[in-house]
Amino acid sequence: MVTFAFASGAWAQPIGGPPPCWPPPCIPIDGGLSALIAAGALLGGKKALELRKSRNKVS
C-alpha cells in the first residue's frame, strides 16, 4: 500500500513554472503599431493636401 502511494506520486507531472512572459512587456505592440500609426498619419496628410489643392483649383 505504501509503495503504491509513492509510485503514483512518481507518475505525476512536475509543478509548472511561472508564465513564459510576465509582466507583459514582451508583447510586441510598439514596433508594428507605431509604423501603422505613422503610415496612417502620412496618408491622411496626403489626402488633406490633395483635397486642399482640388478646392483651390475649383475656386
Protein backbone atom coordinates (compact mmCIF):
# COMPACT_ATOMS: atom_id res chain seq x y z
CA MET A 1 0.00 0.00 0.00
CA VAL A 2 2.80 2.43 0.88
CA THR A 3 4.63 1.52 -2.32
CA PHE A 4 1.52 2.31 -4.35
CA ALA A 5 1.23 5.78 -2.76
CA PHE A 6 4.83 6.65 -3.63
CA ALA A 7 4.57 5.15 -7.11
CA SER A 8 1.53 7.24 -8.01
CA GLY A 9 3.44 10.37 -6.99
CA ALA A 10 6.28 9.42 -9.31
CA TRP A 11 3.97 9.42 -12.34
CA ALA A 12 2.56 12.88 -11.61
CA GLN A 13 3.66 15.85 -13.70
CA PRO A 14 6.04 18.31 -12.08
CA ILE A 15 4.78 21.66 -10.84
CA GLY A 16 4.77 24.22 -13.62
CA GLY A 17 6.91 27.33 -13.52
CA PRO A 18 5.85 30.94 -13.94
CA PRO A 19 4.21 32.14 -17.16
CA PRO A 20 6.67 32.48 -20.04
CA CYS A 21 6.46 36.26 -20.13
CA TRP A 22 5.24 38.20 -17.14
CA PRO A 23 4.81 41.19 -16.73
CA PRO A 24 3.74 41.65 -20.34
CA PRO A 25 6.37 43.94 -21.87
CA CYS A 26 7.19 41.11 -24.27
CA ILE A 27 4.02 41.80 -26.27
CA PRO A 28 5.32 43.45 -29.48
CA ILE A 29 2.76 46.24 -29.79
CA ASP A 30 5.08 49.24 -30.10
CA GLY A 31 7.05 48.38 -33.25
CA GLY A 32 4.29 47.48 -35.68
CA LEU A 33 1.64 49.72 -34.18
CA SER A 34 3.89 52.80 -34.33
CA ALA A 35 4.64 52.16 -38.00
CA LEU A 36 0.94 51.68 -38.74
CA ILE A 37 0.01 54.94 -37.00
CA ALA A 38 2.79 56.81 -38.83
CA ALA A 39 1.65 55.42 -42.19
CA GLY A 40 -1.94 56.43 -41.43
CA ALA A 41 -0.85 59.95 -40.49
CA LEU A 42 1.15 60.28 -43.71
CA LEU A 43 -1.74 59.01 -45.81
CA GLY A 44 -4.17 61.34 -44.05
CA GLY A 45 -1.84 64.30 -44.61
CA LYS A 46 -1.51 63.44 -48.29
CA LYS A 47 -5.29 63.18 -48.70
CA ALA A 48 -5.80 66.50 -46.88
CA LEU A 49 -3.23 68.19 -49.13
CA GLU A 50 -4.89 66.79 -52.26
CA LEU A 51 -8.29 67.97 -51.02
CA ARG A 52 -6.94 71.46 -50.36
CA LYS A 53 -5.35 71.63 -53.82
CA SER A 54 -8.55 70.45 -55.53
CA ARG A 55 -10.64 73.07 -53.66
CA ASN A 56 -8.21 75.83 -54.72
CA LYS A 57 -8.47 74.80 -58.38
CA VAL A 58 -12.29 74.88 -58.37
CA SER A 59 -12.49 78.37 -56.80
